[in-house]
Amino acid sequence: MATFDDFMKLDIRVGEIVQAEVFEKAKKPAYKVWVDFGEEIGTKRSSAQITECYKSEKLIGKQVLGVVNFPPRQIADFMSEVLILGVYTKQGVILIQPEQPVSKGDRLG
């Protein structure tokens, strides 16, 4: 069982999607997504299987939550540096977003 201390090891921050494109080489339908987490962390890349509920061009400007302290993961020819958080639903993955606009880099806590 995970403890509260385990949860606190995760660095979950708010970022803004600045670029998204179809990830042609992914085994499952996905986008390559670039997320700006602000000055301290910068822009990081992620592979996101969110194609069922989102069009790539509609993702630009969305604020999302992402785990920024996982090790990078190679997916096909793309290095995914953060895990964008979402909820698995019947219609597909729905992104977790702040209810109101917040500053890039703000930490979940």
PDB file of N, CA and C in Angstrom:
ATOM      1  N   MET A   1       0.842  -1.177   0.000  1.00  0.00           N
ATOM      2  CA  MET A   1       0.000   0.000   0.000  1.00  0.00           C
ATOM      3  C   MET A   1       0.891   1.245   0.000  1.00  0.00           C
ATOM      4  N   ALA A   2       0.525   2.211  -0.808  1.00  0.00           N
ATOM      5  CA  ALA A   2       1.271   3.479  -0.873  1.00  0.00           C
ATOM      6  C   ALA A   2       0.979   4.317   0.363  1.00  0.00           C
ATOM      7  N   THR A   3       1.966   5.086   0.766  1.00  0.00           N
ATOM      8  CA  THR A   3       1.802   5.974   1.911  1.00  0.00           C
ATOM      9  C   THR A   3       1.728   7.427   1.435  1.00  0.00           C
ATOM     10  N   PHE A   4       1.357   8.308   2.334  1.00  0.00           N
ATOM     11  CA  PHE A   4       1.345   9.728   2.024  1.00  0.00           C
ATOM     12  C   PHE A   4       2.739  10.201   1.633  1.00  0.00           C
ATOM     13  N   ASP A   5       3.762   9.676   2.306  1.00  0.00           N
ATOM     14  CA  ASP A   5       5.142  10.038   1.961  1.00  0.00           C
ATOM     15  C   ASP A   5       5.481   9.628   0.533  1.00  0.00           C
ATOM     16  N   ASP A   6       4.965   8.468   0.082  1.00  0.00           N
ATOM     17  CA  ASP A   6       5.164   8.047  -1.308  1.00  0.00           C
ATOM     18  C   ASP A   6       4.546   9.062  -2.257  1.00  0.00           C
ATOM     19  N   PHE A   7       3.330   9.495  -1.959  1.00  0.00           N
ATOM     20  CA  PHE A   7       2.647  10.490  -2.798  1.00  0.00           C
ATOM     21  C   PHE A   7       3.442  11.789  -2.858  1.00  0.00           C
ATOM     22  N   MET A   8       3.998  12.206  -1.735  1.00  0.00           N
ATOM     23  CA  MET A   8       4.727  13.470  -1.677  1.00  0.00           C
ATOM     24  C   MET A   8       6.026  13.439  -2.485  1.00  0.00           C
ATOM     25  N   LYS A   9       6.496  12.254  -2.853  1.00  0.00           N
ATOM     26  CA  LYS A   9       7.691  12.146  -3.692  1.00  0.00           C
ATOM     27  C   LYS A   9       7.401  12.559  -5.135  1.00  0.00           C
ATOM     28  N   LEU A  10       6.137  12.520  -5.537  1.00  0.00           N
ATOM     29  CA  LEU A  10       5.769  12.915  -6.892  1.00  0.00           C
ATOM     30  C   LEU A  10       5.769  14.437  -7.013  1.00  0.00           C
ATOM     31  N   ASP A  11       6.392  14.930  -8.059  1.00  0.00           N
ATOM     32  CA  ASP A  11       6.393  16.366  -8.335  1.00  0.00           C
ATOM     33  C   ASP A  11       5.389  16.587  -9.467  1.00  0.00           C
ATOM     34  N   ILE A  12       4.175  16.981  -9.089  1.00  0.00           N
ATOM     35  CA  ILE A  12       3.091  17.178 -10.053  1.00  0.00           C
ATOM     36  C   ILE A  12       2.883  18.674 -10.235  1.00  0.00           C
ATOM     37  N   ARG A  13       3.056  19.127 -11.474  1.00  0.00           N
ATOM     38  CA  ARG A  13       2.998  20.554 -11.772  1.00  0.00           C
ATOM     39  C   ARG A  13       1.983  20.849 -12.864  1.00  0.00           C
ATOM     40  N   VAL A  14       1.593  22.120 -12.923  1.00  0.00           N
ATOM     41  CA  VAL A  14       0.720  22.607 -13.987  1.00  0.00           C
ATOM     42  C   VAL A  14       1.574  23.084 -15.150  1.00  0.00           C
ATOM     43  N   GLY A  15       1.195  22.673 -16.341  1.00  0.00           N
ATOM     44  CA  GLY A  15       1.864  23.136 -17.545  1.00  0.00           C
ATOM     45  C   GLY A  15       0.847  23.498 -18.606  1.00  0.00           C
ATOM     46  N   GLU A  16       1.314  24.187 -19.628  1.00  0.00           N
ATOM     47  CA  GLU A  16       0.451  24.592 -20.741  1.00  0.00           C
ATOM     48  C   GLU A  16       0.944  23.912 -22.016  1.00  0.00           C
ATOM     49  N   ILE A  17       0.035  23.251 -22.701  1.00  0.00           N
ATOM     50  CA  ILE A  17       0.405  22.586 -23.949  1.00  0.00           C
ATOM     51  C   ILE A  17       0.701  23.651 -25.000  1.00  0.00           C
ATOM     52  N   VAL A  18       1.901  23.575 -25.589  1.00  0.00           N
ATOM     53  CA  VAL A  18       2.324  24.568 -26.578  1.00  0.00           C
ATOM     54  C   VAL A  18       2.445  23.966 -27.980  1.00  0.00           C
ATOM     55  N   GLN A  19       2.480  22.636 -28.063  1.00  0.00           N
ATOM     56  CA  GLN A  19       2.566  21.979 -29.371  1.00  0.00           C
ATOM     57  C   GLN A  19       2.041  20.560 -29.224  1.00  0.00           C
ATOM     58  N   ALA A  20       1.350  20.066 -30.245  1.00  0.00           N
ATOM     59  CA  ALA A  20       0.856  18.687 -30.258  1.00  0.00           C
ATOM     60  C   ALA A  20       0.760  18.220 -31.701  1.00  0.00           C
ATOM     61  N   GLU A  21       1.182  16.989 -31.934  1.00  0.00           N
ATOM     62  CA  GLU A  21       1.104  16.422 -33.278  1.00  0.00           C
ATOM     63  C   GLU A  21       0.893  14.920 -33.187  1.00  0.00           C
ATOM     64  N   VAL A  22       0.356  14.335 -34.227  1.00  0.00           N
ATOM     65  CA  VAL A  22       0.125  12.898 -34.269  1.00  0.00           C
ATOM     66  C   VAL A  22       1.462  12.170 -34.169  1.00  0.00           C
ATOM     67  N   PHE A  23       1.496  11.139 -33.334  1.00  0.00           N
ATOM     68  CA  PHE A  23       2.692  10.324 -33.132  1.00  0.00           C
ATOM     69  C   PHE A  23       2.549   9.081 -34.014  1.00  0.00           C
ATOM     70  N   GLU A  24       3.017   9.207 -35.234  1.00  0.00           N
ATOM     71  CA  GLU A  24       2.850   8.161 -36.248  1.00  0.00           C
ATOM     72  C   GLU A  24       3.481   6.827 -35.852  1.00  0.00           C
ATOM     73  N   LYS A  25       4.606   6.841 -35.150  1.00  0.00           N
ATOM     74  CA  LYS A  25       5.333   5.612 -34.849  1.00  0.00           C
ATOM     75  C   LYS A  25       4.899   4.927 -33.561  1.00  0.00           C
ATOM     76  N   ALA A  26       3.953   5.496 -32.839  1.00  0.00           N
ATOM     77  CA  ALA A  26       3.466   4.881 -31.601  1.00  0.00           C
ATOM     78  C   ALA A  26       2.669   3.612 -31.930  1.00  0.00           C
ATOM     79  N   LYS A  27       2.780   2.608 -31.062  1.00  0.00           N
ATOM     80  CA  LYS A  27       2.033   1.360 -31.271  1.00  0.00           C
ATOM     81  C   LYS A  27       0.532   1.573 -31.134  1.00  0.00           C
ATOM     82  N   LYS A  28       0.128   2.407 -30.175  1.00  0.00           N
ATOM     83  CA  LYS A  28      -1.281   2.754 -29.972  1.00  0.00           C
ATOM     84  C   LYS A  28      -1.450   4.218 -30.366  1.00  0.00           C
ATOM     85  N   PRO A  29      -2.626   4.615 -30.844  1.00  0.00           N
ATOM     86  CA  PRO A  29      -2.821   6.017 -31.242  1.00  0.00           C
ATOM     87  C   PRO A  29      -2.424   6.983 -30.121  1.00  0.00           C
ATOM     88  N   ALA A  30      -1.588   7.960 -30.472  1.00  0.00           N
ATOM     89  CA  ALA A  30      -1.074   8.910 -29.479  1.00  0.00           C
ATOM     90  C   ALA A  30      -0.663  10.205 -30.160  1.00  0.00           C
ATOM     91  N   TYR A  31      -0.434  11.209 -29.327  1.00  0.00           N
ATOM     92  CA  TYR A  31       0.136  12.479 -29.778  1.00  0.00           C
ATOM     93  C   TYR A  31       1.499  12.672 -29.138  1.00  0.00           C
ATOM     94  N   LYS A  32       2.368  13.364 -29.850  1.00  0.00           N
ATOM     95  CA  LYS A  32       3.566  13.936 -29.252  1.00  0.00           C
ATOM     96  C   LYS A  32       3.117  15.298 -28.736  1.00  0.00           C
ATOM     97  N   VAL A  33       3.371  15.558 -27.458  1.00  0.00           N
ATOM     98  CA  VAL A  33       2.891  16.789 -26.833  1.00  0.00           C
ATOM     99  C   VAL A  33       4.061  17.493 -26.152  1.00  0.00           C
ATOM    100  N   TRP A  34       4.146  18.806 -26.351  1.00  0.00           N
ATOM    101  CA  TRP A  34       5.144  19.641 -25.682  1.00  0.00           C
ATOM    102  C   TRP A  34       4.403  20.507 -24.670  1.00  0.00           C
ATOM    103  N   VAL A  35       4.859  20.460 -23.409  1.00  0.00           N
ATOM    104  CA  VAL A  35       4.183  21.161 -22.316  1.00  0.00           C
ATOM    105  C   VAL A  35       5.166  22.127 -21.663  1.00  0.00           C
ATOM    106  N   ASP A  36       4.768  23.391 -21.571  1.00  0.00           N
ATOM    107  CA  ASP A  36       5.580  24.425 -20.921  1.00  0.00           C
ATOM    108  C   ASP A  36       5.208  24.470 -19.446  1.00  0.00           C
ATOM    109  N   PHE A  37       6.163  24.097 -18.580  1.00  0.00           N
ATOM    110  CA  PHE A  37       5.951  24.100 -17.135  1.00  0.00           C
ATOM    111  C   PHE A  37       6.533  25.337 -16.464  1.00  0.00           C
ATOM    112  N   GLY A  38       6.823  26.366 -17.231  1.00  0.00           N
ATOM    113  CA  GLY A  38       7.320  27.610 -16.659  1.00  0.00           C
ATOM    114  C   GLY A  38       8.832  27.675 -16.617  1.00  0.00           C
ATOM    115  N   GLU A  39       9.308  28.786 -16.088  1.00  0.00           N
ATOM    116  CA  GLU A  39      10.737  29.112 -16.122  1.00  0.00           C
ATOM    117  C   GLU A  39      11.612  28.090 -15.396  1.00  0.00           C
ATOM    118  N   GLU A  40      11.181  27.598 -14.252  1.00  0.00           N
ATOM    119  CA  GLU A  40      11.990  26.685 -13.437  1.00  0.00           C
ATOM    120  C   GLU A  40      12.226  25.337 -14.142  1.00  0.00           C
ATOM    121  N   ILE A  41      11.205  24.797 -14.785  1.00  0.00           N
ATOM    122  CA  ILE A  41      11.276  23.452 -15.379  1.00  0.00           C
ATOM    123  C   ILE A  41      11.430  23.503 -16.892  1.00  0.00           C
ATOM    124  N   GLY A  42      10.806  24.476 -17.518  1.00  0.00           N
ATOM    125  CA  GLY A  42      10.892  24.608 -18.969  1.00  0.00           C
ATOM    126  C   GLY A  42       9.874  23.760 -19.702  1.00  0.00           C
ATOM    127  N   THR A  43      10.102  23.578 -20.995  1.00  0.00           N
ATOM    128  CA  THR A  43       9.197  22.806 -21.836  1.00  0.00           C
ATOM    129  C   THR A  43       9.679  21.363 -21.894  1.00  0.00           C
ATOM    130  N   LYS A  44       8.754  20.442 -21.632  1.00  0.00           N
ATOM    131  CA  LYS A  44       9.046  19.011 -21.624  1.00  0.00           C
ATOM    132  C   LYS A  44       8.132  18.305 -22.613  1.00  0.00           C
ATOM    133  N   ARG A  45       8.589  17.143 -23.091  1.00  0.00           N
ATOM    134  CA  ARG A  45       7.836  16.370 -24.079  1.00  0.00           C
ATOM    135  C   ARG A  45       7.131  15.184 -23.426  1.00  0.00           C
ATOM    136  N   SER A  46       6.003  14.796 -24.027  1.00  0.00           N
ATOM    137  CA  SER A  46       5.273  13.643 -23.533  1.00  0.00           C
ATOM    138  C   SER A  46       4.582  12.939 -24.693  1.00  0.00           C
ATOM    139  N   SER A  47       4.474  11.632 -24.591  1.00  0.00           N
ATOM    140  CA  SER A  47       3.634  10.858 -25.499  1.00  0.00           C
ATOM    141  C   SER A  47       2.322  10.629 -24.767  1.00  0.00           C
ATOM    142  N   ALA A  48       1.219  11.020 -25.380  1.00  0.00           N
ATOM    143  CA  ALA A  48      -0.072  10.960 -24.696  1.00  0.00           C
ATOM    144  C   ALA A  48      -1.102  10.232 -25.552  1.00  0.00           C
ATOM    145  N   GLN A  49      -1.696   9.184 -25.000  1.00  0.00           N
ATOM    146  CA  GLN A  49      -2.739   8.419 -25.685  1.00  0.00           C
ATOM    147  C   GLN A  49      -4.098   9.058 -25.377  1.00  0.00           C
ATOM    148  N   ILE A  50      -4.326  10.208 -25.988  1.00  0.00           N
ATOM    149  CA  ILE A  50      -5.547  10.981 -25.725  1.00  0.00           C
ATOM    150  C   ILE A  50      -6.287  11.303 -27.022  1.00  0.00           C
ATOM    151  N   THR A  51      -6.037  10.508 -28.053  1.00  0.00           N
ATOM    152  CA  THR A  51      -6.582  10.811 -29.383  1.00  0.00           C
ATOM    153  C   THR A  51      -8.090  10.591 -29.490  1.00  0.00           C
ATOM    154  N   GLU A  52      -8.669   9.779 -28.619  1.00  0.00           N
ATOM    155  CA  GLU A  52     -10.108   9.506 -28.714  1.00  0.00           C
ATOM    156  C   GLU A  52     -10.960  10.719 -28.342  1.00  0.00           C
ATOM    157  N   CYS A  53     -10.453  11.555 -27.451  1.00  0.00           N
ATOM    158  CA  CYS A  53     -11.253  12.674 -26.936  1.00  0.00           C
ATOM    159  C   CYS A  53     -10.739  14.047 -27.337  1.00  0.00           C
ATOM    160  N   TYR A  54      -9.563  14.113 -27.961  1.00  0.00           N
ATOM    161  CA  TYR A  54      -8.971  15.408 -28.287  1.00  0.00           C
ATOM    162  C   TYR A  54      -8.396  15.417 -29.698  1.00  0.00           C
ATOM    163  N   LYS A  55      -8.545  16.529 -30.386  1.00  0.00           N
ATOM    164  CA  LYS A  55      -7.869  16.800 -31.650  1.00  0.00           C
ATOM    165  C   LYS A  55      -6.593  17.568 -31.312  1.00  0.00           C
ATOM    166  N   SER A  56      -5.513  17.267 -31.995  1.00  0.00           N
ATOM    167  CA  SER A  56      -4.222  17.868 -31.638  1.00  0.00           C
ATOM    168  C   SER A  56      -4.266  19.393 -31.630  1.00  0.00           C
ATOM    169  N   GLU A  57      -4.928  19.980 -32.624  1.00  0.00           N
ATOM    170  CA  GLU A  57      -4.958  21.445 -32.708  1.00  0.00           C
ATOM    171  C   GLU A  57      -5.768  22.087 -31.578  1.00  0.00           C
ATOM    172  N   LYS A  58      -6.677  21.337 -30.958  1.00  0.00           N
ATOM    173  CA  LYS A  58      -7.488  21.866 -29.857  1.00  0.00           C
ATOM    174  C   LYS A  58      -6.770  21.773 -28.511  1.00  0.00           C
ATOM    175  N   LEU A  59      -5.638  21.069 -28.472  1.00  0.00           N
ATOM    176  CA  LEU A  59      -4.886  20.923 -27.229  1.00  0.00           C
ATOM    177  C   LEU A  59      -4.048  22.158 -26.901  1.00  0.00           C
ATOM    178  N   ILE A  60      -3.664  22.920 -27.920  1.00  0.00           N
ATOM    179  CA  ILE A  60      -2.786  24.075 -27.718  1.00  0.00           C
ATOM    180  C   ILE A  60      -3.458  25.066 -26.760  1.00  0.00           C
ATOM    181  N   GLY A  61      -2.709  25.458 -25.723  1.00  0.00           N
ATOM    182  CA  GLY A  61      -3.208  26.419 -24.739  1.00  0.00           C
ATOM    183  C   GLY A  61      -3.881  25.787 -23.533  1.00  0.00           C
ATOM    184  N   LYS A  62      -4.158  24.485 -23.573  1.00  0.00           N
ATOM    185  CA  LYS A  62      -4.783  23.828 -22.419  1.00  0.00           C
ATOM    186  C   LYS A  62      -3.786  23.675 -21.287  1.00  0.00           C
ATOM    187  N   GLN A  63      -4.249  23.930 -20.076  1.00  0.00           N
ATOM    188  CA  GLN A  63      -3.433  23.657 -18.900  1.00  0.00           C
ATOM    189  C   GLN A  63      -3.688  22.216 -18.467  1.00  0.00           C
ATOM    190  N   VAL A  64      -2.607  21.515 -18.112  1.00  0.00           N
ATOM    191  CA  VAL A  64      -2.697  20.125 -17.695  1.00  0.00           C
ATOM    192  C   VAL A  64      -1.815  19.907 -16.482  1.00  0.00           C
ATOM    193  N   LEU A  65      -2.034  18.785 -15.811  1.00  0.00           N
ATOM    194  CA  LEU A  65      -1.171  18.375 -14.709  1.00  0.00           C
ATOM    195  C   LEU A  65      -0.237  17.287 -15.216  1.00  0.00           C
ATOM    196  N   GLY A  66       1.022  17.358 -14.803  1.00  0.00           N
ATOM    197  CA  GLY A  66       1.985  16.354 -15.226  1.00  0.00           C
ATOM    198  C   GLY A  66       2.981  16.027 -14.134  1.00  0.00           C
ATOM    199  N   VAL A  67       3.387  14.756 -14.091  1.00  0.00           N
ATOM    200  CA  VAL A  67       4.443  14.320 -13.176  1.00  0.00           C
ATOM    201  C   VAL A  67       5.765  14.634 -13.862  1.00  0.00           C
ATOM    202  N   VAL A  68       6.546  15.535 -13.258  1.00  0.00           N
ATOM    203  CA  VAL A  68       7.768  16.012 -13.909  1.00  0.00           C
ATOM    204  C   VAL A  68       9.038  15.354 -13.375  1.00  0.00           C
ATOM    205  N   ASN A  69       8.925  14.466 -12.376  1.00  0.00           N
ATOM    206  CA  ASN A  69      10.139  13.857 -11.827  1.00  0.00           C
ATOM    207  C   ASN A  69      10.216  12.348 -12.041  1.00  0.00           C
ATOM    208  N   PHE A  70       9.500  11.825 -13.029  1.00  0.00           N
ATOM    209  CA  PHE A  70       9.725  10.449 -13.465  1.00  0.00           C
ATOM    210  C   PHE A  70      10.917  10.439 -14.409  1.00  0.00           C
ATOM    211  N   PRO A  71      11.633   9.314 -14.510  1.00  0.00           N
ATOM    212  CA  PRO A  71      12.723   9.263 -15.488  1.00  0.00           C
ATOM    213  C   PRO A  71      12.164   9.285 -16.915  1.00  0.00           C
ATOM    214  N   PRO A  72      12.906   9.837 -17.868  1.00  0.00           N
ATOM    215  CA  PRO A  72      12.444   9.835 -19.269  1.00  0.00           C
ATOM    216  C   PRO A  72      12.229   8.406 -19.755  1.00  0.00           C
ATOM    217  N   ARG A  73      11.303   8.272 -20.714  1.00  0.00           N
ATOM    218  CA  ARG A  73      10.977   6.948 -21.250  1.00  0.00           C
ATOM    219  C   ARG A  73      10.977   7.009 -22.773  1.00  0.00           C
ATOM    220  N   GLN A  74      11.724   6.107 -23.387  1.00  0.00           N
ATOM    221  CA  GLN A  74      11.797   6.041 -24.845  1.00  0.00           C
ATOM    222  C   GLN A  74      10.547   5.346 -25.379  1.00  0.00           C
ATOM    223  N   ILE A  75       9.841   6.025 -26.268  1.00  0.00           N
ATOM    224  CA  ILE A  75       8.676   5.455 -26.933  1.00  0.00           C
ATOM    225  C   ILE A  75       8.911   5.619 -28.424  1.00  0.00           C
ATOM    226  N   ALA A  76       9.161   4.492 -29.094  1.00  0.00           N
ATOM    227  CA  ALA A  76       9.567   4.503 -30.506  1.00  0.00           C
ATOM    228  C   ALA A  76      10.786   5.419 -30.638  1.00  0.00           C
ATOM    229  N   ASP A  77      10.689   6.447 -31.501  1.00  0.00           N
ATOM    230  CA  ASP A  77      11.833   7.348 -31.700  1.00  0.00           C
ATOM    231  C   ASP A  77      11.687   8.653 -30.922  1.00  0.00           C
ATOM    232  N   PHE A  78      10.888   8.651 -29.854  1.00  0.00           N
ATOM    233  CA  PHE A  78      10.551   9.863 -29.113  1.00  0.00           C
ATOM    234  C   PHE A  78      10.835   9.640 -27.629  1.00  0.00           C
ATOM    235  N   MET A  79      11.485  10.615 -26.993  1.00  0.00           N
ATOM    236  CA  MET A  79      11.765  10.533 -25.567  1.00  0.00           C
ATOM    237  C   MET A  79      10.677  11.281 -24.808  1.00  0.00           C
ATOM    238  N   SER A  80       9.878  10.545 -24.033  1.00  0.00           N
ATOM    239  CA  SER A  80       8.819  11.141 -23.229  1.00  0.00           C
ATOM    240  C   SER A  80       9.408  11.508 -21.871  1.00  0.00           C
ATOM    241  N   GLU A  81       9.309  12.795 -21.512  1.00  0.00           N
ATOM    242  CA  GLU A  81       9.969  13.302 -20.305  1.00  0.00           C
ATOM    243  C   GLU A  81       9.034  13.519 -19.126  1.00  0.00           C
ATOM    244  N   VAL A  82       7.739  13.600 -19.372  1.00  0.00           N
ATOM    245  CA  VAL A  82       6.755  13.810 -18.302  1.00  0.00           C
ATOM    246  C   VAL A  82       5.543  12.926 -18.553  1.00  0.00           C
ATOM    247  N   LEU A  83       4.808  12.657 -17.485  1.00  0.00           N
ATOM    248  CA  LEU A  83       3.556  11.912 -17.589  1.00  0.00           C
ATOM    249  C   LEU A  83       2.412  12.892 -17.400  1.00  0.00           C
ATOM    250  N   ILE A  84       1.660  13.131 -18.471  1.00  0.00           N
ATOM    251  CA  ILE A  84       0.474  13.978 -18.381  1.00  0.00           C
ATOM    252  C   ILE A  84      -0.631  13.152 -17.737  1.00  0.00           C
ATOM    253  N   LEU A  85      -1.316  13.722 -16.755  1.00  0.00           N
ATOM    254  CA  LEU A  85      -2.317  12.972 -16.007  1.00  0.00           C
ATOM    255  C   LEU A  85      -3.701  13.072 -16.646  1.00  0.00           C
ATOM    256  N   GLY A  86      -4.389  11.946 -16.632  1.00  0.00           N
ATOM    257  CA  GLY A  86      -5.737  11.877 -17.173  1.00  0.00           C
ATOM    258  C   GLY A  86      -6.533  10.791 -16.478  1.00  0.00           C
ATOM    259  N   VAL A  87      -7.819  10.774 -16.759  1.00  0.00           N
ATOM    260  CA  VAL A  87      -8.739   9.802 -16.183  1.00  0.00           C
ATOM    261  C   VAL A  87      -9.209   8.879 -17.303  1.00  0.00           C
ATOM    262  N   TYR A  88      -9.132   7.566 -17.071  1.00  0.00           N
ATOM    263  CA  TYR A  88      -9.629   6.603 -18.047  1.00  0.00           C
ATOM    264  C   TYR A  88     -11.149   6.525 -17.931  1.00  0.00           C
ATOM    265  N   THR A  89     -11.845   6.814 -19.042  1.00  0.00           N
ATOM    266  CA  THR A  89     -13.300   6.784 -19.068  1.00  0.00           C
ATOM    267  C   THR A  89     -13.761   5.907 -20.228  1.00  0.00           C
ATOM    268  N   LYS A  90     -15.063   5.685 -20.324  1.00  0.00           N
ATOM    269  CA  LYS A  90     -15.614   4.888 -21.426  1.00  0.00           C
ATOM    270  C   LYS A  90     -15.287   5.509 -22.777  1.00  0.00           C
ATOM    271  N   GLN A  91     -15.281   6.848 -22.847  1.00  0.00           N
ATOM    272  CA  GLN A  91     -15.037   7.523 -24.126  1.00  0.00           C
ATOM    273  C   GLN A  91     -13.559   7.711 -24.436  1.00  0.00           C
ATOM    274  N   GLY A  92     -12.682   7.433 -23.481  1.00  0.00           N
ATOM    275  CA  GLY A  92     -11.244   7.610 -23.664  1.00  0.00           C
ATOM    276  C   GLY A  92     -10.644   8.369 -22.496  1.00  0.00           C
ATOM    277  N   VAL A  93      -9.374   8.734 -22.620  1.00  0.00           N
ATOM    278  CA  VAL A  93      -8.683   9.442 -21.539  1.00  0.00           C
ATOM    279  C   VAL A  93      -9.075  10.918 -21.556  1.00  0.00           C
ATOM    280  N   ILE A  94      -9.494  11.416 -20.386  1.00  0.00           N
ATOM    281  CA  ILE A  94      -9.839  12.828 -20.201  1.00  0.00           C
ATOM    282  C   ILE A  94      -8.744  13.461 -19.348  1.00  0.00           C
ATOM    283  N   LEU A  95      -8.164  14.546 -19.841  1.00  0.00           N
ATOM    284  CA  LEU A  95      -7.083  15.225 -19.132  1.00  0.00           C
ATOM    285  C   LEU A  95      -7.547  15.841 -17.821  1.00  0.00           C
ATOM    286  N   ILE A  96      -6.676  15.816 -16.831  1.00  0.00           N
ATOM    287  CA  ILE A  96      -6.932  16.495 -15.563  1.00  0.00           C
ATOM    288  C   ILE A  96      -6.409  17.920 -15.702  1.00  0.00           C
ATOM    289  N   GLN A  97      -7.288  18.883 -15.445  1.00  0.00           N
ATOM    290  CA  GLN A  97      -6.948  20.294 -15.622  1.00  0.00           C
ATOM    291  C   GLN A  97      -7.363  21.097 -14.400  1.00  0.00           C
ATOM    292  N   PRO A  98      -6.658  22.203 -14.110  1.00  0.00           N
ATOM    293  CA  PRO A  98      -7.100  23.085 -13.029  1.00  0.00           C
ATOM    294  C   PRO A  98      -8.473  23.670 -13.367  1.00  0.00           C
ATOM    295  N   GLU A  99      -9.275  23.887 -12.359  1.00  0.00           N
ATOM    296  CA  GLU A  99     -10.613  24.460 -12.556  1.00  0.00           C
ATOM    297  C   GLU A  99     -10.537  25.911 -13.043  1.00  0.00           C
ATOM    298  N   GLN A 100      -9.498  26.620 -12.623  1.00  0.00           N
ATOM    299  CA  GLN A 100      -9.279  28.003 -13.031  1.00  0.00           C
ATOM    300  C   GLN A 100      -7.851  28.126 -13.550  1.00  0.00           C
ATOM    301  N   PRO A 101      -7.573  29.125 -14.398  1.00  0.00           N
ATOM    302  CA  PRO A 101      -6.198  29.311 -14.872  1.00  0.00           C
ATOM    303  C   PRO A 101      -5.250  29.588 -13.705  1.00  0.00           C
ATOM    304  N   VAL A 102      -4.091  28.948 -13.742  1.00  0.00           N
ATOM    305  CA  VAL A 102      -3.059  29.132 -12.714  1.00  0.00           C
ATOM    306  C   VAL A 102      -1.723  29.345 -13.415  1.00  0.00           C
ATOM    307  N   SER A 103      -0.707  29.663 -12.655  1.00  0.00           N
ATOM    308  CA  SER A 103       0.616  29.888 -13.221  1.00  0.00           C
ATOM    309  C   SER A 103       1.282  28.596 -13.627  1.00  0.00           C
ATOM    310  N   LYS A 104       1.997  28.634 -14.765  1.00  0.00           N
ATOM    311  CA  LYS A 104       2.763  27.470 -15.186  1.00  0.00           C
ATOM    312  C   LYS A 104       3.799  27.147 -14.126  1.00  0.00           C
ATOM    313  N   GLY A 105       3.901  25.857 -13.807  1.00  0.00           N
ATOM    314  CA  GLY A 105       4.851  25.417 -12.798  1.00  0.00           C
ATOM    315  C   GLY A 105       4.264  25.296 -11.411  1.00  0.00           C
ATOM    316  N   ASP A 106       3.035  25.789 -11.200  1.00  0.00           N
ATOM    317  CA  ASP A 106       2.414  25.640  -9.878  1.00  0.00           C
ATOM    318  C   ASP A 106       2.344  24.153  -9.536  1.00  0.00           C
ATOM    319  N   ARG A 107       2.593  23.851  -8.258  1.00  0.00           N
ATOM    320  CA  ARG A 107       2.698  22.470  -7.810  1.00  0.00           C
ATOM    321  C   ARG A 107       1.407  21.999  -7.135  1.00  0.00           C
ATOM    322  N   LEU A 108       1.024  20.754  -7.449  1.00  0.00           N
ATOM    323  CA  LEU A 108      -0.080  20.126  -6.742  1.00  0.00           C
ATOM    324  C   LEU A 108       0.394  19.821  -5.338  1.00  0.00           C
ATOM    325  N   GLY A 109      -0.403  20.149  -4.366  1.00  0.00           N
ATOM    326  CA  GLY A 109       0.044  19.885  -2.997  1.00  0.00           C
ATOM    327  C   GLY A 109      -1.078  19.933  -2.024  1.00  0.00           C
TER     328      GLY A 109
END
